[in-house]
Amino acid sequence: MSVLVVGSVAYDGIEAPAGKVERTLGGSATYISVASRFFTNPVRLVGTVGYDFEERDHHFLRDRGIDLEGFRVDEDQRTFFWKGRYHDDMNTRDTLDTQLNVFEHFNPVIPEVYKGSRIVCLGNIDPVLQLRVLDQVTQHKLTVCDTMNFWISGAREALEETISRVDVLIINDEEARELTGETNLLKCASMIRAKGPKFLIIKKGEHGAHLYSDNAVFSAPAYPLSDIVDPTGAGDSFMGGFAGWLSYRDRIDEENLRRAVIYGSVMASFCVEKFGTQRLAEISRFDIDRRYDAFRKLSVIPARS
């Protein structure tokens, strides 16, 4: 199945205990597209950058087979830039600089050939823009959406409408609690799914992820890593792996959803091993499948004797 990805393409400046980079390729659409492309084709990216977007980064996306017909370069403005600093526990970060630049006026226009994409991934952008995308796509089989605290507190009405129209919502545990006002994640999940999504994924960072559906709750582990360099794109890489696997299998059922969560976790675990997209640029499908098998072994529970 085809995958449509709509979100930000950006440059990030990152400071972390492992070091720092002044300017590296990032953005939600970048990570989602790159991670998804390991599994399926076509992957179609809708995003915008400025005149300072480097040719090597354009090549990086193109060389990975990502369809860039919906990718726009604005010759009058600079590319979206974000800079942040991570603390020792890597679960908290400070935003040091945000320059929206070309992204301030981003209005996603879906090319005609993209409108029939079967899986639609809505990256972490203004829910008003997510709604505009949903209004343009016509033949999708599954819609997957990400959001963040900023939109929960600052664009609640539009976010609630977006949530009511998507099939899968992916958020972290802190966001789930803020969205519902509940502390118990099982209650959070019930309240969020009552808003519309058929499936809910609550990410718990180093503690894995939960998949909630009508049939069951599935708990996926996190891959144990001794060194985490940069968690910036982990959530987006998770979405890319999740959507990419479902597209590859072309069947959305409980078993494949569980596999998709694990593949999402695999992609996130690779992403955090280096700054930006560096690690995703190095790995192969063989590496991904081998780590998937390692994930499976983490959760094997022996039968009672």
Protein backbone atom coordinates (compact mmCIF):
# COMPACT_ATOMS: atom_id res chain seq x y z
CA MET A 1 0.00 0.00 0.00
CA SER A 2 1.10 3.56 -0.62
CA VAL A 3 2.01 5.78 2.34
CA LEU A 4 1.43 9.52 2.43
CA VAL A 5 3.45 11.51 4.98
CA VAL A 6 2.64 15.11 5.86
CA GLY A 7 4.72 17.03 8.37
CA SER A 8 7.80 19.14 8.92
CA VAL A 9 11.17 18.95 7.21
CA ALA A 10 13.62 20.86 9.32
CA TYR A 11 17.12 21.46 10.54
CA ASP A 12 17.85 20.71 14.19
CA GLY A 13 20.55 21.85 16.52
CA ILE A 14 20.96 19.35 19.36
CA GLU A 15 22.90 19.38 22.62
CA ALA A 16 23.02 16.16 24.61
CA PRO A 17 25.29 14.44 27.12
CA ALA A 18 26.89 12.54 24.21
CA GLY A 19 27.84 15.71 22.34
CA LYS A 20 26.19 18.24 20.08
CA VAL A 21 25.45 19.07 16.45
CA GLU A 22 24.78 22.55 15.16
CA ARG A 23 22.64 21.65 12.17
CA THR A 24 21.33 18.24 11.17
CA LEU A 25 18.43 17.11 9.03
CA GLY A 26 15.25 16.53 11.04
CA GLY A 27 11.52 17.14 11.08
CA SER A 28 8.62 14.75 11.58
CA ALA A 29 8.03 14.07 7.88
CA THR A 30 11.70 13.29 7.36
CA TYR A 31 11.88 10.62 10.04
CA ILE A 32 8.49 9.09 9.21
CA SER A 33 9.28 8.86 5.50
CA VAL A 34 12.78 7.45 5.91
CA ALA A 35 11.67 4.82 8.45
CA SER A 36 8.62 3.81 6.42
CA ARG A 37 10.60 3.45 3.20
CA PHE A 38 12.51 0.45 4.59
CA PHE A 39 9.29 -1.53 4.29
CA THR A 40 7.19 -0.22 1.43
CA ASN A 41 6.90 1.80 -1.76
CA PRO A 42 5.72 4.37 -2.67
CA VAL A 43 6.28 6.67 0.29
CA ARG A 44 5.05 10.16 -0.58
CA LEU A 45 6.25 13.20 1.33
CA VAL A 46 4.40 16.52 1.55
CA GLY A 47 6.48 19.23 3.18
CA THR A 48 8.20 22.54 2.62
CA VAL A 49 11.75 23.87 3.04
CA GLY A 50 13.59 27.10 2.31
CA TYR A 51 16.36 28.24 0.00
CA ASP A 52 18.99 27.07 2.50
CA PHE A 53 17.98 23.41 2.21
CA GLU A 54 21.16 21.67 1.21
CA GLU A 55 21.44 19.60 -1.95
CA ARG A 56 22.98 16.71 -0.02
CA ASP A 57 19.84 16.46 2.11
CA HIS A 58 17.66 16.59 -0.99
CA HIS A 59 19.74 13.72 -2.33
CA PHE A 60 19.41 11.86 0.97
CA LEU A 61 15.61 11.81 0.63
CA ARG A 62 15.60 11.12 -3.09
CA ASP A 63 18.22 8.35 -2.91
CA ARG A 64 16.04 6.49 -0.44
CA GLY A 65 13.26 6.31 -2.99
CA ILE A 66 10.94 8.81 -1.31
CA ASP A 67 8.46 10.39 -3.72
CA LEU A 68 9.03 14.15 -3.56
CA GLU A 69 6.36 15.45 -5.91
CA GLY A 70 4.67 17.08 -2.89
CA PHE A 71 7.95 18.56 -1.61
CA ARG A 72 8.23 22.34 -2.07
CA VAL A 73 11.22 24.68 -1.89
CA ASP A 74 10.50 28.32 -1.07
CA GLU A 75 13.30 30.43 -2.53
CA ASP A 76 12.37 33.45 -0.38
CA GLN A 77 12.60 31.96 3.12
CA ARG A 78 14.79 29.75 5.27
CA THR A 79 14.03 26.21 6.43
CA PHE A 80 12.32 25.56 9.77
CA PHE A 81 14.96 25.36 12.52
CA TRP A 82 14.73 23.99 16.06
CA LYS A 83 17.41 23.78 18.73
CA GLY A 84 17.18 21.87 21.99
CA ARG A 85 19.20 20.59 24.91
CA TYR A 86 18.67 17.17 26.52
CA HIS A 87 19.37 16.45 30.17
CA ASP A 88 21.18 13.45 31.60
CA ASP A 89 18.03 11.34 31.91
CA MET A 90 17.17 12.07 28.20
CA ASN A 91 13.47 12.25 29.08
CA THR A 92 13.45 16.02 29.46
CA ARG A 93 14.69 18.70 27.13
CA ASP A 94 14.82 22.47 26.88
CA THR A 95 13.93 24.27 23.68
CA LEU A 96 16.67 26.82 23.06
CA ASP A 97 15.51 28.23 19.74
CA THR A 98 12.60 27.87 17.34
CA GLN A 99 12.59 29.57 13.94
CA LEU A 100 9.46 28.64 12.01
CA ASN A 101 10.63 30.42 8.85
CA VAL A 102 8.98 28.81 5.81
CA PHE A 103 6.96 26.49 8.04
CA GLU A 104 5.04 29.40 9.56
CA HIS A 105 2.86 29.57 6.45
CA PHE A 106 2.88 25.87 5.57
CA ASN A 107 -0.38 24.89 3.89
CA PRO A 108 -0.29 21.23 2.84
CA VAL A 109 -1.62 20.83 -0.68
CA ILE A 110 -1.91 17.16 -1.59
CA PRO A 111 -1.01 16.42 -5.22
CA GLU A 112 -3.77 14.67 -7.14
CA VAL A 113 -1.75 11.48 -7.51
CA TYR A 114 -1.25 11.37 -3.71
CA LYS A 115 -4.93 11.65 -2.80
CA GLY A 116 -5.55 7.94 -3.18
CA SER A 117 -2.75 6.94 -0.78
CA ARG A 118 -3.89 4.02 1.36
CA ILE A 119 -2.11 4.92 4.60
CA VAL A 120 -1.96 8.57 5.67
CA CYS A 121 0.57 9.62 8.32
CA LEU A 122 -0.10 12.96 9.96
CA GLY A 123 3.11 14.14 11.59
CA ASN A 124 3.22 16.33 14.66
CA ILE A 125 1.92 19.59 13.18
CA ASP A 126 -0.92 22.00 13.90
CA PRO A 127 -4.16 19.97 14.05
CA VAL A 128 -5.78 22.57 11.77
CA LEU A 129 -3.32 21.46 9.09
CA GLN A 130 -3.96 17.81 9.87
CA LEU A 131 -7.66 18.44 9.25
CA ARG A 132 -6.88 20.08 5.92
CA VAL A 133 -5.04 16.94 4.87
CA LEU A 134 -7.93 14.71 5.93
CA ASP A 135 -10.26 16.87 3.84
CA GLN A 136 -8.14 16.23 0.74
CA VAL A 137 -7.47 12.48 0.86
CA THR A 138 -10.15 10.21 -0.52
CA GLN A 139 -9.35 6.49 -0.57
CA HIS A 140 -7.29 5.89 2.53
CA LYS A 141 -7.49 2.61 4.39
CA LEU A 142 -5.83 3.85 7.57
CA THR A 143 -5.02 7.27 9.04
CA VAL A 144 -2.30 7.58 11.68
CA CYS A 145 -1.83 10.74 13.73
CA ASP A 146 0.73 12.14 16.16
CA THR A 147 0.42 15.20 18.40
CA MET A 148 2.08 16.86 21.40
CA ASN A 149 1.41 18.81 24.60
CA PHE A 150 1.63 22.14 22.78
CA TRP A 151 -1.41 21.31 20.64
CA ILE A 152 -3.29 19.69 23.52
CA SER A 153 -3.14 22.93 25.49
CA GLY A 154 -3.12 25.44 22.64
CA ALA A 155 -5.35 24.00 19.91
CA ARG A 156 -7.67 21.70 21.82
CA GLU A 157 -10.80 22.15 19.71
CA ALA A 158 -9.09 21.40 16.40
CA LEU A 159 -7.16 18.52 17.96
CA GLU A 160 -10.37 16.95 19.29
CA GLU A 161 -11.85 17.08 15.79
CA THR A 162 -8.72 15.53 14.29
CA ILE A 163 -8.74 12.75 16.86
CA SER A 164 -12.39 12.01 16.05
CA ARG A 165 -11.47 11.44 12.39
CA VAL A 166 -8.34 9.28 12.56
CA ASP A 167 -7.98 5.51 12.93
CA VAL A 168 -4.77 5.43 14.98
CA LEU A 169 -3.55 8.00 17.49
CA ILE A 170 0.04 7.77 18.71
CA ILE A 171 0.96 9.77 21.82
CA ASN A 172 3.17 9.37 24.88
CA ASP A 173 2.01 8.71 28.42
CA GLU A 174 2.39 12.34 29.55
CA GLU A 175 0.27 13.54 26.62
CA ALA A 176 -2.39 10.91 27.30
CA ARG A 177 -2.73 12.11 30.88
CA GLU A 178 -2.90 15.76 29.83
CA LEU A 179 -5.48 15.01 27.17
CA THR A 180 -7.80 13.21 29.60
CA GLY A 181 -6.97 14.58 33.05
CA GLU A 182 -6.57 10.96 34.22
CA THR A 183 -3.49 9.34 35.70
CA ASN A 184 -4.29 5.67 35.07
CA LEU A 185 -3.28 4.81 31.51
CA LEU A 186 -6.01 2.20 31.08
CA LYS A 187 -8.62 4.82 31.90
CA CYS A 188 -6.82 7.30 29.65
CA ALA A 189 -6.97 4.84 26.80
CA SER A 190 -10.68 4.20 27.25
CA MET A 191 -11.44 7.92 27.28
CA ILE A 192 -9.29 8.68 24.24
CA ARG A 193 -10.67 5.82 22.16
CA ALA A 194 -14.17 7.02 23.00
CA LYS A 195 -13.27 10.19 21.09
CA GLY A 196 -12.98 8.25 17.85
CA PRO A 197 -9.73 6.32 17.15
CA LYS A 198 -10.09 2.58 16.61
CA PHE A 199 -6.58 2.06 17.89
CA LEU A 200 -4.45 3.95 20.38
CA ILE A 201 -0.73 3.63 20.96
CA ILE A 202 0.71 5.12 24.14
CA LYS A 203 4.50 5.33 24.06
CA LYS A 204 6.34 5.06 27.36
CA GLY A 205 9.89 5.84 26.29
CA GLU A 206 12.39 3.46 27.83
CA HIS A 207 9.46 1.40 29.16
CA GLY A 208 8.05 0.45 25.76
CA ALA A 209 4.61 1.06 24.28
CA HIS A 210 1.01 -0.07 24.70
CA LEU A 211 -1.45 -0.79 21.90
CA TYR A 212 -5.14 -0.48 22.81
CA SER A 213 -7.93 -1.89 20.65
CA ASP A 214 -11.39 -3.38 21.05
CA ASN A 215 -9.90 -6.83 21.51
CA ALA A 216 -6.96 -6.43 23.86
CA VAL A 217 -4.12 -4.42 25.31
CA PHE A 218 -0.72 -5.28 23.88
CA SER A 219 2.39 -4.28 25.79
CA ALA A 220 5.61 -4.02 23.77
CA PRO A 221 9.00 -3.75 25.45
CA ALA A 222 11.64 -1.15 24.73
CA TYR A 223 14.93 -2.36 23.32
CA PRO A 224 17.65 -2.08 25.98
CA LEU A 225 20.36 0.34 24.90
CA SER A 226 23.42 1.23 26.93
CA ASP A 227 23.88 4.56 25.16
CA ILE A 228 21.19 6.88 23.85
CA VAL A 229 22.66 9.72 21.82
CA ASP A 230 19.67 11.67 20.49
CA PRO A 231 15.97 10.84 21.04
CA THR A 232 14.70 13.71 18.85
CA GLY A 233 13.19 11.67 16.00
CA ALA A 234 12.33 8.50 17.92
CA GLY A 235 8.57 9.02 17.97
CA ASP A 236 8.42 9.87 14.28
CA SER A 237 10.62 6.87 13.42
CA PHE A 238 8.19 4.75 15.44
CA MET A 239 5.29 5.98 13.30
CA GLY A 240 7.26 5.32 10.12
CA GLY A 241 8.06 1.76 11.10
CA PHE A 242 4.49 1.15 12.25
CA ALA A 243 2.90 2.49 9.06
CA GLY A 244 5.55 0.97 6.81
CA TRP A 245 5.00 -2.53 8.14
CA LEU A 246 1.21 -2.30 7.78
CA SER A 247 1.65 -1.04 4.23
CA TYR A 248 4.01 -3.91 3.44
CA ARG A 249 1.62 -6.54 4.80
CA ASP A 250 -1.45 -4.87 3.25
CA ARG A 251 -3.62 -6.28 6.02
CA ILE A 252 -4.77 -4.48 9.14
CA ASP A 253 -5.62 -6.97 11.85
CA GLU A 254 -4.68 -7.54 15.47
CA GLU A 255 -1.66 -9.69 14.67
CA ASN A 256 -0.17 -7.26 12.17
CA LEU A 257 -0.87 -4.28 14.40
CA ARG A 258 1.18 -5.94 17.12
CA ARG A 259 3.99 -6.63 14.68
CA ALA A 260 3.77 -3.05 13.49
CA VAL A 261 4.23 -1.77 17.05
CA ILE A 262 7.38 -3.85 17.38
CA TYR A 263 8.74 -2.66 14.05
CA GLY A 264 7.96 0.88 15.14
CA SER A 265 9.93 0.28 18.32
CA VAL A 266 12.79 -1.20 16.28
CA MET A 267 13.03 1.93 14.14
CA ALA A 268 12.91 4.17 17.19
CA SER A 269 15.68 2.16 18.85
CA PHE A 270 17.96 2.63 15.84
CA CYS A 271 17.13 6.32 15.53
CA VAL A 272 18.34 7.23 19.02
CA GLU A 273 21.78 5.65 18.55
CA LYS A 274 23.16 8.66 16.65
CA PHE A 275 22.31 12.30 16.00
CA GLY A 276 19.54 13.12 13.56
CA THR A 277 19.06 10.66 10.72
CA GLN A 278 22.64 9.39 10.81
CA ARG A 279 21.81 5.93 12.14
CA LEU A 280 18.83 5.45 9.82
CA ALA A 281 21.17 6.18 6.92
CA GLU A 282 23.46 3.30 7.94
CA ILE A 283 21.10 0.40 8.58
CA SER A 284 19.57 -2.16 6.21
CA ARG A 285 16.39 -4.20 6.23
CA PHE A 286 18.51 -7.12 7.43
CA ASP A 287 19.55 -5.10 10.50
CA ILE A 288 15.92 -4.19 11.16
CA ASP A 289 14.66 -7.78 10.96
CA ARG A 290 17.47 -9.02 13.17
CA ARG A 291 16.58 -6.48 15.85
CA TYR A 292 12.90 -7.41 15.48
CA ASP A 293 13.86 -10.98 16.37
CA ALA A 294 15.79 -9.67 19.36
CA PHE A 295 12.66 -7.78 20.45
CA ARG A 296 10.63 -10.98 20.26
CA LYS A 297 13.06 -12.76 22.57
CA LEU A 298 12.73 -9.99 25.15
CA SER A 299 9.08 -10.89 25.70
CA VAL A 300 9.04 -14.66 25.53
CA ILE A 301 7.25 -15.96 28.60
CA PRO A 302 7.83 -19.64 29.33
CA ALA A 303 4.75 -21.80 29.65
CA ARG A 304 3.86 -23.13 33.10
CA SER A 305 5.48 -26.47 33.75
